[in-house]
Protein backbone atom coordinates (compact mmCIF):
# COMPACT_ATOMS: atom_id res chain seq x y z
CA UNK A 1 0.00 0.00 0.00
CA UNK A 2 2.73 2.44 -0.87
CA UNK A 3 1.71 5.95 -1.73
CA UNK A 4 3.36 7.82 -4.58
CA UNK A 5 2.33 11.20 -3.18
CA UNK A 6 5.11 13.29 -1.65
CA UNK A 7 5.29 13.40 2.11
CA UNK A 8 4.62 16.52 4.14
CA UNK A 9 8.33 17.07 4.64
CA UNK A 10 8.99 16.76 0.91
CA UNK A 11 6.29 19.31 0.10
CA UNK A 12 7.41 21.94 2.55
CA UNK A 13 11.15 21.31 2.49
CA UNK A 14 13.49 22.03 5.34
CA UNK A 15 12.71 25.76 5.62
CA UNK A 16 10.43 25.52 8.63
CA UNK A 17 10.02 27.46 11.83
CA UNK A 18 12.96 27.05 14.10
CA UNK A 19 15.41 26.81 11.21
CA UNK A 20 18.90 27.91 12.21
CA UNK A 21 18.96 30.70 9.63
CA UNK A 22 15.72 32.13 10.99
CA UNK A 23 17.00 31.86 14.55
CA UNK A 24 20.12 33.79 13.65
CA UNK A 25 18.06 36.59 12.10
CA UNK A 26 16.01 36.95 15.28
CA UNK A 27 18.99 37.58 17.55
CA UNK A 28 18.94 41.21 18.67
CA UNK A 29 21.60 43.37 20.19
CA UNK A 30 21.08 45.01 23.56
CA UNK A 31 21.93 48.67 23.59
CA UNK A 32 23.73 50.08 26.59
CA UNK A 33 22.35 53.61 26.17
CA UNK A 34 19.90 55.12 28.65
CA UNK A 35 17.54 56.29 25.88
CA UNK A 36 16.33 52.78 25.35
CA UNK A 37 15.07 52.44 28.92
CA UNK A 38 13.29 55.80 28.65
CA UNK A 39 11.49 54.65 25.50
CA UNK A 40 10.58 51.40 27.22
CA UNK A 41 9.12 53.24 30.20
CA UNK A 42 7.05 55.44 27.89
CA UNK A 43 5.82 52.40 25.99
CA UNK A 44 4.88 50.65 29.24
CA UNK A 45 2.95 53.73 30.40
CA UNK A 46 1.08 53.92 27.10
CA UNK A 47 0.32 50.21 27.21
CA UNK A 48 -0.90 50.49 30.78
CA UNK A 49 -3.26 53.33 29.84
CA UNK A 50 -4.51 51.31 26.89
CA UNK A 51 -5.01 48.28 29.10
CA UNK A 52 -7.07 50.29 31.57
CA UNK A 53 -9.29 51.56 28.75
CA UNK A 54 -9.71 48.05 27.35
CA UNK A 55 -10.53 46.69 30.79
CA UNK A 56 -13.20 49.35 31.31
CA UNK A 57 -14.69 48.67 27.87
CA UNK A 58 -14.74 44.93 28.54
CA UNK A 59 -16.47 45.51 31.86
CA UNK A 60 -19.17 47.64 30.23
CA UNK A 61 -19.57 45.05 27.49
CA UNK A 62 -19.94 42.25 30.03
CA UNK A 63 -22.63 44.20 31.87
CA UNK A 64 -24.52 44.72 28.59
CA UNK A 65 -24.33 41.02 27.80
CA UNK A 66 -25.53 40.12 31.29
CA UNK A 67 -28.42 42.56 31.07
CA UNK A 68 -29.39 41.43 27.57
CA UNK A 69 -29.30 37.78 28.59
CA UNK A 70 -31.49 38.48 31.60
CA UNK A 71 -34.04 40.34 29.49
CA UNK A 72 -33.99 37.59 26.87
CA UNK A 73 -34.53 34.82 29.40
CA UNK A 74 -37.40 36.71 31.01
CA UNK A 75 -38.99 37.12 27.55
CA UNK A 76 -38.66 33.40 26.80
CA UNK A 77 -40.13 32.52 30.20
CA UNK A 78 -43.05 34.90 29.63
CA UNK A 79 -43.70 33.42 26.18
CA UNK A 80 -43.61 29.88 27.59
CA UNK A 81 -46.03 30.83 30.38
CA UNK A 82 -48.44 32.39 27.86
CA UNK A 83 -48.32 29.27 25.70
CA UNK A 84 -48.74 26.79 28.56
CA UNK A 85 -51.58 28.76 30.22
CA UNK A 86 -53.53 29.06 26.96
CA UNK A 87 -53.26 25.33 26.16
CA UNK A 88 -54.73 24.13 29.50
PDB file of N, CA and C in Angstrom:
ATOM      1  N   UNK A   1       0.820  -1.184   0.000  1.00  0.00           N
ATOM      2  CA  UNK A   1       0.000   0.000   0.000  1.00  0.00           C
ATOM      3  C   UNK A   1       0.865   1.249   0.000  1.00  0.00           C
ATOM      4  N   UNK A   2       1.857   1.285  -0.802  1.00  0.00           N
ATOM      5  CA  UNK A   2       2.730   2.439  -0.870  1.00  0.00           C
ATOM      6  C   UNK A   2       2.073   3.587  -1.608  1.00  0.00           C
ATOM      7  N   UNK A   3       2.280   4.768  -1.120  1.00  0.00           N
ATOM      8  CA  UNK A   3       1.707   5.949  -1.730  1.00  0.00           C
ATOM      9  C   UNK A   3       2.774   6.649  -2.549  1.00  0.00           C
ATOM     10  N   UNK A   4       2.396   7.112  -3.731  1.00  0.00           N
ATOM     11  CA  UNK A   4       3.360   7.815  -4.584  1.00  0.00           C
ATOM     12  C   UNK A   4       3.319   9.318  -4.332  1.00  0.00           C
ATOM     13  N   UNK A   5       2.422   9.775  -3.496  1.00  0.00           N
ATOM     14  CA  UNK A   5       2.326  11.196  -3.180  1.00  0.00           C
ATOM     15  C   UNK A   5       3.504  11.607  -2.304  1.00  0.00           C
ATOM     16  N   UNK A   6       3.981  12.835  -2.492  1.00  0.00           N
ATOM     17  CA  UNK A   6       5.106  13.292  -1.654  1.00  0.00           C
ATOM     18  C   UNK A   6       4.662  13.460  -0.204  1.00  0.00           C
ATOM     19  N   UNK A   7       5.597  13.252   0.689  1.00  0.00           N
ATOM     20  CA  UNK A   7       5.290  13.395   2.110  1.00  0.00           C
ATOM     21  C   UNK A   7       5.199  14.881   2.469  1.00  0.00           C
ATOM     22  N   UNK A   8       4.731  15.143   3.679  1.00  0.00           N
ATOM     23  CA  UNK A   8       4.616  16.519   4.138  1.00  0.00           C
ATOM     24  C   UNK A   8       5.978  17.199   4.128  1.00  0.00           C
ATOM     25  N   UNK A   9       6.984  16.501   4.588  1.00  0.00           N
ATOM     26  CA  UNK A   9       8.327  17.073   4.645  1.00  0.00           C
ATOM     27  C   UNK A   9       8.851  17.371   3.245  1.00  0.00           C
ATOM     28  N   UNK A  10       8.539  16.517   2.273  1.00  0.00           N
ATOM     29  CA  UNK A  10       8.989  16.760   0.912  1.00  0.00           C
ATOM     30  C   UNK A  10       8.293  17.984   0.313  1.00  0.00           C
ATOM     31  N   UNK A  11       7.038  18.179   0.653  1.00  0.00           N
ATOM     32  CA  UNK A  11       6.293  19.307   0.104  1.00  0.00           C
ATOM     33  C   UNK A  11       6.791  20.633   0.644  1.00  0.00           C
ATOM     34  N   UNK A  12       7.072  20.679   1.926  1.00  0.00           N
ATOM     35  CA  UNK A  12       7.414  21.939   2.548  1.00  0.00           C
ATOM     36  C   UNK A  12       8.913  22.162   2.676  1.00  0.00           C
ATOM     37  N   UNK A  13       9.713  21.145   2.433  1.00  0.00           N
ATOM     38  CA  UNK A  13      11.155  21.306   2.493  1.00  0.00           C
ATOM     39  C   UNK A  13      11.655  21.483   3.909  1.00  0.00           C
ATOM     40  N   UNK A  14      12.885  21.905   4.012  1.00  0.00           N
ATOM     41  CA  UNK A  14      13.486  22.030   5.340  1.00  0.00           C
ATOM     42  C   UNK A  14      13.353  23.437   5.904  1.00  0.00           C
ATOM     43  N   UNK A  15      12.828  24.380   5.145  1.00  0.00           N
ATOM     44  CA  UNK A  15      12.706  25.762   5.624  1.00  0.00           C
ATOM     45  C   UNK A  15      11.503  25.943   6.514  1.00  0.00           C
ATOM     46  N   UNK A  16      11.569  25.441   7.720  1.00  0.00           N
ATOM     47  CA  UNK A  16      10.434  25.520   8.632  1.00  0.00           C
ATOM     48  C   UNK A  16      10.761  26.456   9.787  1.00  0.00           C
ATOM     49  N   UNK A  17       9.781  26.659  10.641  1.00  0.00           N
ATOM     50  CA  UNK A  17      10.016  27.464  11.830  1.00  0.00           C
ATOM     51  C   UNK A  17      11.089  26.794  12.675  1.00  0.00           C
ATOM     52  N   UNK A  18      11.909  27.598  13.268  1.00  0.00           N
ATOM     53  CA  UNK A  18      12.964  27.049  14.103  1.00  0.00           C
ATOM     54  C   UNK A  18      14.220  26.713  13.317  1.00  0.00           C
ATOM     55  N   UNK A  19      14.237  27.055  12.037  1.00  0.00           N
ATOM     56  CA  UNK A  19      15.407  26.812  11.212  1.00  0.00           C
ATOM     57  C   UNK A  19      16.561  27.665  11.745  1.00  0.00           C
ATOM     58  N   UNK A  20      17.766  27.181  11.651  1.00  0.00           N
ATOM     59  CA  UNK A  20      18.903  27.910  12.215  1.00  0.00           C
ATOM     60  C   UNK A  20      19.074  29.279  11.581  1.00  0.00           C
ATOM     61  N   UNK A  21      18.819  29.395  10.277  1.00  0.00           N
ATOM     62  CA  UNK A  21      18.963  30.696   9.625  1.00  0.00           C
ATOM     63  C   UNK A  21      17.962  31.689  10.200  1.00  0.00           C
ATOM     64  N   UNK A  22      16.728  31.247  10.413  1.00  0.00           N
ATOM     65  CA  UNK A  22      15.719  32.130  10.991  1.00  0.00           C
ATOM     66  C   UNK A  22      16.085  32.520  12.411  1.00  0.00           C
ATOM     67  N   UNK A  23      16.613  31.567  13.176  1.00  0.00           N
ATOM     68  CA  UNK A  23      17.000  31.857  14.550  1.00  0.00           C
ATOM     69  C   UNK A  23      18.098  32.907  14.597  1.00  0.00           C
ATOM     70  N   UNK A  24      19.033  32.828  13.664  1.00  0.00           N
ATOM     71  CA  UNK A  24      20.125  33.792  13.653  1.00  0.00           C
ATOM     72  C   UNK A  24      19.633  35.191  13.296  1.00  0.00           C
ATOM     73  N   UNK A  25      18.605  35.293  12.471  1.00  0.00           N
ATOM     74  CA  UNK A  25      18.057  36.589  12.098  1.00  0.00           C
ATOM     75  C   UNK A  25      17.326  37.240  13.268  1.00  0.00           C
ATOM     76  N   UNK A  26      16.803  36.425  14.175  1.00  0.00           N
ATOM     77  CA  UNK A  26      16.009  36.951  15.280  1.00  0.00           C
ATOM     78  C   UNK A  26      16.842  37.442  16.464  1.00  0.00           C
ATOM     79  N   UNK A  27      18.129  37.156  16.447  1.00  0.00           N
ATOM     80  CA  UNK A  27      18.992  37.580  17.546  1.00  0.00           C
ATOM     81  C   UNK A  27      19.116  39.096  17.497  1.00  0.00           C
ATOM     82  N   UNK A  28      18.858  39.750  18.625  1.00  0.00           N
ATOM     83  CA  UNK A  28      18.944  41.207  18.674  1.00  0.00           C
ATOM     84  C   UNK A  28      20.055  41.627  19.603  1.00  0.00           C
ATOM     85  N   UNK A  29      20.527  42.828  19.357  1.00  0.00           N
ATOM     86  CA  UNK A  29      21.598  43.371  20.192  1.00  0.00           C
ATOM     87  C   UNK A  29      20.988  44.231  21.281  1.00  0.00           C
ATOM     88  N   UNK A  30      21.516  44.143  22.466  1.00  0.00           N
ATOM     89  CA  UNK A  30      21.076  45.011  23.556  1.00  0.00           C
ATOM     90  C   UNK A  30      21.891  46.294  23.487  1.00  0.00           C
ATOM     91  N   UNK A  31      21.205  47.409  23.599  1.00  0.00           N
ATOM     92  CA  UNK A  31      21.930  48.671  23.594  1.00  0.00           C
ATOM     93  C   UNK A  31      22.218  49.057  25.037  1.00  0.00           C
ATOM     94  N   UNK A  32      23.337  49.694  25.237  1.00  0.00           N
ATOM     95  CA  UNK A  32      23.726  50.079  26.586  1.00  0.00           C
ATOM     96  C   UNK A  32      23.373  51.528  26.875  1.00  0.00           C
ATOM     97  N   UNK A  33      22.676  52.203  25.949  1.00  0.00           N
ATOM     98  CA  UNK A  33      22.346  53.609  26.168  1.00  0.00           C
ATOM     99  C   UNK A  33      21.123  53.743  27.069  1.00  0.00           C
ATOM    100  N   UNK A  34      21.009  54.870  27.748  1.00  0.00           N
ATOM    101  CA  UNK A  34      19.896  55.121  28.651  1.00  0.00           C
ATOM    102  C   UNK A  34      18.626  55.490  27.907  1.00  0.00           C
ATOM    103  N   UNK A  35      18.707  55.911  26.651  1.00  0.00           N
ATOM    104  CA  UNK A  35      17.542  56.289  25.875  1.00  0.00           C
ATOM    105  C   UNK A  35      16.602  55.132  25.650  1.00  0.00           C
ATOM    106  N   UNK A  36      17.147  53.962  25.581  1.00  0.00           N
ATOM    107  CA  UNK A  36      16.331  52.775  25.350  1.00  0.00           C
ATOM    108  C   UNK A  36      15.401  52.515  26.530  1.00  0.00           C
ATOM    109  N   UNK A  37      15.905  52.687  27.745  1.00  0.00           N
ATOM    110  CA  UNK A  37      15.074  52.445  28.923  1.00  0.00           C
ATOM    111  C   UNK A  37      13.986  53.510  29.052  1.00  0.00           C
ATOM    112  N   UNK A  38      14.280  54.729  28.612  1.00  0.00           N
ATOM    113  CA  UNK A  38      13.288  55.798  28.655  1.00  0.00           C
ATOM    114  C   UNK A  38      12.154  55.480  27.680  1.00  0.00           C
ATOM    115  N   UNK A  39      12.500  55.022  26.492  1.00  0.00           N
ATOM    116  CA  UNK A  39      11.490  54.650  25.502  1.00  0.00           C
ATOM    117  C   UNK A  39      10.648  53.486  26.012  1.00  0.00           C
ATOM    118  N   UNK A  40      11.294  52.554  26.684  1.00  0.00           N
ATOM    119  CA  UNK A  40      10.578  51.395  27.218  1.00  0.00           C
ATOM    120  C   UNK A  40       9.597  51.831  28.299  1.00  0.00           C
ATOM    121  N   UNK A  41       9.999  52.749  29.141  1.00  0.00           N
ATOM    122  CA  UNK A  41       9.124  53.243  30.204  1.00  0.00           C
ATOM    123  C   UNK A  41       7.919  53.964  29.606  1.00  0.00           C
ATOM    124  N   UNK A  42       8.148  54.747  28.550  1.00  0.00           N
ATOM    125  CA  UNK A  42       7.048  55.445  27.886  1.00  0.00           C
ATOM    126  C   UNK A  42       6.096  54.439  27.230  1.00  0.00           C
ATOM    127  N   UNK A  43       6.650  53.418  26.628  1.00  0.00           N
ATOM    128  CA  UNK A  43       5.822  52.400  25.987  1.00  0.00           C
ATOM    129  C   UNK A  43       4.996  51.643  27.027  1.00  0.00           C
ATOM    130  N   UNK A  44       5.604  51.346  28.171  1.00  0.00           N
ATOM    131  CA  UNK A  44       4.875  50.651  29.241  1.00  0.00           C
ATOM    132  C   UNK A  44       3.744  51.520  29.782  1.00  0.00           C
ATOM    133  N   UNK A  45       3.986  52.816  29.916  1.00  0.00           N
ATOM    134  CA  UNK A  45       2.953  53.728  30.404  1.00  0.00           C
ATOM    135  C   UNK A  45       1.800  53.803  29.415  1.00  0.00           C
ATOM    136  N   UNK A  46       2.118  53.875  28.127  1.00  0.00           N
ATOM    137  CA  UNK A  46       1.076  53.923  27.098  1.00  0.00           C
ATOM    138  C   UNK A  46       0.292  52.617  27.072  1.00  0.00           C
ATOM    139  N   UNK A  47       0.987  51.506  27.210  1.00  0.00           N
ATOM    140  CA  UNK A  47       0.323  50.207  27.210  1.00  0.00           C
ATOM    141  C   UNK A  47      -0.571  50.059  28.434  1.00  0.00           C
ATOM    142  N   UNK A  48      -0.113  50.562  29.558  1.00  0.00           N
ATOM    143  CA  UNK A  48      -0.903  50.490  30.781  1.00  0.00           C
ATOM    144  C   UNK A  48      -2.190  51.300  30.642  1.00  0.00           C
ATOM    145  N   UNK A  49      -2.079  52.490  30.057  1.00  0.00           N
ATOM    146  CA  UNK A  49      -3.265  53.326  29.842  1.00  0.00           C
ATOM    147  C   UNK A  49      -4.220  52.625  28.882  1.00  0.00           C
ATOM    148  N   UNK A  50      -3.679  52.033  27.838  1.00  0.00           N
ATOM    149  CA  UNK A  50      -4.513  51.305  26.893  1.00  0.00           C
ATOM    150  C   UNK A  50      -5.177  50.109  27.535  1.00  0.00           C
ATOM    151  N   UNK A  51      -4.451  49.431  28.398  1.00  0.00           N
ATOM    152  CA  UNK A  51      -5.009  48.276  29.099  1.00  0.00           C
ATOM    153  C   UNK A  51      -6.166  48.686  29.999  1.00  0.00           C
ATOM    154  N   UNK A  52      -5.994  49.804  30.690  1.00  0.00           N
ATOM    155  CA  UNK A  52      -7.066  50.293  31.569  1.00  0.00           C
ATOM    156  C   UNK A  52      -8.321  50.616  30.767  1.00  0.00           C
ATOM    157  N   UNK A  53      -8.145  51.240  29.598  1.00  0.00           N
ATOM    158  CA  UNK A  53      -9.294  51.560  28.747  1.00  0.00           C
ATOM    159  C   UNK A  53      -9.964  50.279  28.251  1.00  0.00           C
ATOM    160  N   UNK A  54      -9.159  49.312  27.842  1.00  0.00           N
ATOM    161  CA  UNK A  54      -9.709  48.052  27.349  1.00  0.00           C
ATOM    162  C   UNK A  54     -10.442  47.305  28.453  1.00  0.00           C
ATOM    163  N   UNK A  55      -9.900  47.356  29.654  1.00  0.00           N
ATOM    164  CA  UNK A  55     -10.533  46.693  30.792  1.00  0.00           C
ATOM    165  C   UNK A  55     -11.886  47.325  31.101  1.00  0.00           C
ATOM    166  N   UNK A  56     -11.943  48.643  31.054  1.00  0.00           N
ATOM    167  CA  UNK A  56     -13.203  49.347  31.309  1.00  0.00           C
ATOM    168  C   UNK A  56     -14.229  49.017  30.226  1.00  0.00           C
ATOM    169  N   UNK A  57     -13.783  48.985  28.972  1.00  0.00           N
ATOM    170  CA  UNK A  57     -14.694  48.670  27.871  1.00  0.00           C
ATOM    171  C   UNK A  57     -15.197  47.234  27.983  1.00  0.00           C
ATOM    172  N   UNK A  58     -14.330  46.331  28.375  1.00  0.00           N
ATOM    173  CA  UNK A  58     -14.741  44.930  28.540  1.00  0.00           C
ATOM    174  C   UNK A  58     -15.745  44.805  29.679  1.00  0.00           C
ATOM    175  N   UNK A  59     -15.549  45.560  30.737  1.00  0.00           N
ATOM    176  CA  UNK A  59     -16.473  45.515  31.862  1.00  0.00           C
ATOM    177  C   UNK A  59     -17.860  46.013  31.456  1.00  0.00           C
ATOM    178  N   UNK A  60     -17.887  47.106  30.711  1.00  0.00           N
ATOM    179  CA  UNK A  60     -19.167  47.639  30.231  1.00  0.00           C
ATOM    180  C   UNK A  60     -19.824  46.643  29.293  1.00  0.00           C
ATOM    181  N   UNK A  61     -19.032  46.049  28.421  1.00  0.00           N
ATOM    182  CA  UNK A  61     -19.568  45.053  27.491  1.00  0.00           C
ATOM    183  C   UNK A  61     -20.134  43.846  28.215  1.00  0.00           C
ATOM    184  N   UNK A  62     -19.456  43.406  29.254  1.00  0.00           N
ATOM    185  CA  UNK A  62     -19.937  42.253  30.030  1.00  0.00           C
ATOM    186  C   UNK A  62     -21.260  42.581  30.723  1.00  0.00           C
ATOM    187  N   UNK A  63     -21.379  43.791  31.232  1.00  0.00           N
ATOM    188  CA  UNK A  63     -22.633  44.200  31.871  1.00  0.00           C
ATOM    189  C   UNK A  63     -23.780  44.230  30.860  1.00  0.00           C
ATOM    190  N   UNK A  64     -23.489  44.693  29.639  1.00  0.00           N
ATOM    191  CA  UNK A  64     -24.518  44.717  28.595  1.00  0.00           C
ATOM    192  C   UNK A  64     -24.953  43.309  28.228  1.00  0.00           C
ATOM    193  N   UNK A  65     -24.001  42.403  28.118  1.00  0.00           N
ATOM    194  CA  UNK A  65     -24.328  41.017  27.795  1.00  0.00           C
ATOM    195  C   UNK A  65     -25.173  40.408  28.908  1.00  0.00           C
ATOM    196  N   UNK A  66     -24.783  40.649  30.145  1.00  0.00           N
ATOM    197  CA  UNK A  66     -25.526  40.116  31.287  1.00  0.00           C
ATOM    198  C   UNK A  66     -26.954  40.649  31.303  1.00  0.00           C
ATOM    199  N   UNK A  67     -27.101  41.946  31.078  1.00  0.00           N
ATOM    200  CA  UNK A  67     -28.417  42.561  31.067  1.00  0.00           C
ATOM    201  C   UNK A  67     -29.260  42.022  29.914  1.00  0.00           C
ATOM    202  N   UNK A  68     -28.667  41.937  28.737  1.00  0.00           N
ATOM    203  CA  UNK A  68     -29.386  41.426  27.569  1.00  0.00           C
ATOM    204  C   UNK A  68     -29.814  39.987  27.742  1.00  0.00           C
ATOM    205  N   UNK A  69     -28.963  39.177  28.338  1.00  0.00           N
ATOM    206  CA  UNK A  69     -29.297  37.780  28.590  1.00  0.00           C
ATOM    207  C   UNK A  69     -30.454  37.674  29.568  1.00  0.00           C
ATOM    208  N   UNK A  70     -30.421  38.484  30.603  1.00  0.00           N
ATOM    209  CA  UNK A  70     -31.490  38.480  31.598  1.00  0.00           C
ATOM    210  C   UNK A  70     -32.823  38.845  30.956  1.00  0.00           C
ATOM    211  N   UNK A  71     -32.818  39.905  30.156  1.00  0.00           N
ATOM    212  CA  UNK A  71     -34.044  40.339  29.488  1.00  0.00           C
ATOM    213  C   UNK A  71     -34.536  39.251  28.538  1.00  0.00           C
ATOM    214  N   UNK A  72     -33.621  38.645  27.811  1.00  0.00           N
ATOM    215  CA  UNK A  72     -33.986  37.589  26.870  1.00  0.00           C
ATOM    216  C   UNK A  72     -34.588  36.376  27.559  1.00  0.00           C
ATOM    217  N   UNK A  73     -34.001  35.977  28.670  1.00  0.00           N
ATOM    218  CA  UNK A  73     -34.527  34.824  29.404  1.00  0.00           C
ATOM    219  C   UNK A  73     -35.903  35.119  29.991  1.00  0.00           C
ATOM    220  N   UNK A  74     -36.083  36.333  30.475  1.00  0.00           N
ATOM    221  CA  UNK A  74     -37.403  36.713  31.006  1.00  0.00           C
ATOM    222  C   UNK A  74     -38.448  36.686  29.895  1.00  0.00           C
ATOM    223  N   UNK A  75     -38.075  37.144  28.682  1.00  0.00           N
ATOM    224  CA  UNK A  75     -38.993  37.124  27.553  1.00  0.00           C
ATOM    225  C   UNK A  75     -39.389  35.693  27.189  1.00  0.00           C
ATOM    226  N   UNK A  76     -38.387  34.803  27.129  1.00  0.00           N
ATOM    227  CA  UNK A  76     -38.663  33.398  26.804  1.00  0.00           C
ATOM    228  C   UNK A  76     -39.579  32.793  27.865  1.00  0.00           C
ATOM    229  N   UNK A  77     -39.301  33.055  29.127  1.00  0.00           N
ATOM    230  CA  UNK A  77     -40.126  32.523  30.203  1.00  0.00           C
ATOM    231  C   UNK A  77     -41.559  33.028  30.088  1.00  0.00           C
ATOM    232  N   UNK A  78     -41.717  34.309  29.787  1.00  0.00           N
ATOM    233  CA  UNK A  78     -43.046  34.901  29.632  1.00  0.00           C
ATOM    234  C   UNK A  78     -43.785  34.255  28.454  1.00  0.00           C
ATOM    235  N   UNK A  79     -43.081  34.044  27.351  1.00  0.00           N
ATOM    236  CA  UNK A  79     -43.700  33.417  26.181  1.00  0.00           C
ATOM    237  C   UNK A  79     -44.120  31.984  26.495  1.00  0.00           C
ATOM    238  N   UNK A  80     -43.292  31.259  27.218  1.00  0.00           N
ATOM    239  CA  UNK A  80     -43.609  29.884  27.587  1.00  0.00           C
ATOM    240  C   UNK A  80     -44.836  29.850  28.501  1.00  0.00           C
ATOM    241  N   UNK A  81     -44.886  30.788  29.464  1.00  0.00           N
ATOM    242  CA  UNK A  81     -46.034  30.834  30.381  1.00  0.00           C
ATOM    243  C   UNK A  81     -47.323  31.178  29.635  1.00  0.00           C
ATOM    244  N   UNK A  82     -47.257  32.072  28.660  1.00  0.00           N
ATOM    245  CA  UNK A  82     -48.440  32.388  27.862  1.00  0.00           C
ATOM    246  C   UNK A  82     -48.927  31.163  27.105  1.00  0.00           C
ATOM    247  N   UNK A  83     -47.980  30.436  26.517  1.00  0.00           N
ATOM    248  CA  UNK A  83     -48.316  29.274  25.705  1.00  0.00           C
ATOM    249  C   UNK A  83     -48.902  28.156  26.564  1.00  0.00           C
ATOM    250  N   UNK A  84     -48.283  27.891  27.712  1.00  0.00           N
ATOM    251  CA  UNK A  84     -48.740  26.794  28.558  1.00  0.00           C
ATOM    252  C   UNK A  84     -50.052  27.147  29.260  1.00  0.00           C
ATOM    253  N   UNK A  85     -50.317  28.407  29.562  1.00  0.00           N
ATOM    254  CA  UNK A  85     -51.585  28.760  30.220  1.00  0.00           C
ATOM    255  C   UNK A  85     -52.732  28.760  29.215  1.00  0.00           C
ATOM    256  N   UNK A  86     -52.466  29.051  27.969  1.00  0.00           N
ATOM    257  CA  UNK A  86     -53.525  29.059  26.961  1.00  0.00           C
ATOM    258  C   UNK A  86     -53.894  27.647  26.497  1.00  0.00           C
ATOM    259  N   UNK A  87     -52.974  26.695  26.624  1.00  0.00           N
ATOM    260  CA  UNK A  87     -53.256  25.333  26.157  1.00  0.00           C
ATOM    261  C   UNK A  87     -53.968  24.488  27.214  1.00  0.00           C
ATOM    262  N   UNK A  88     -54.045  24.904  28.466  1.00  0.00           N
ATOM    263  CA  UNK A  88     -54.735  24.131  29.496  1.00  0.00           C
ATOM    264  C   UNK A  88     -56.140  24.585  29.719  1.00  0.00           C
TER     265      UNK A  88
END
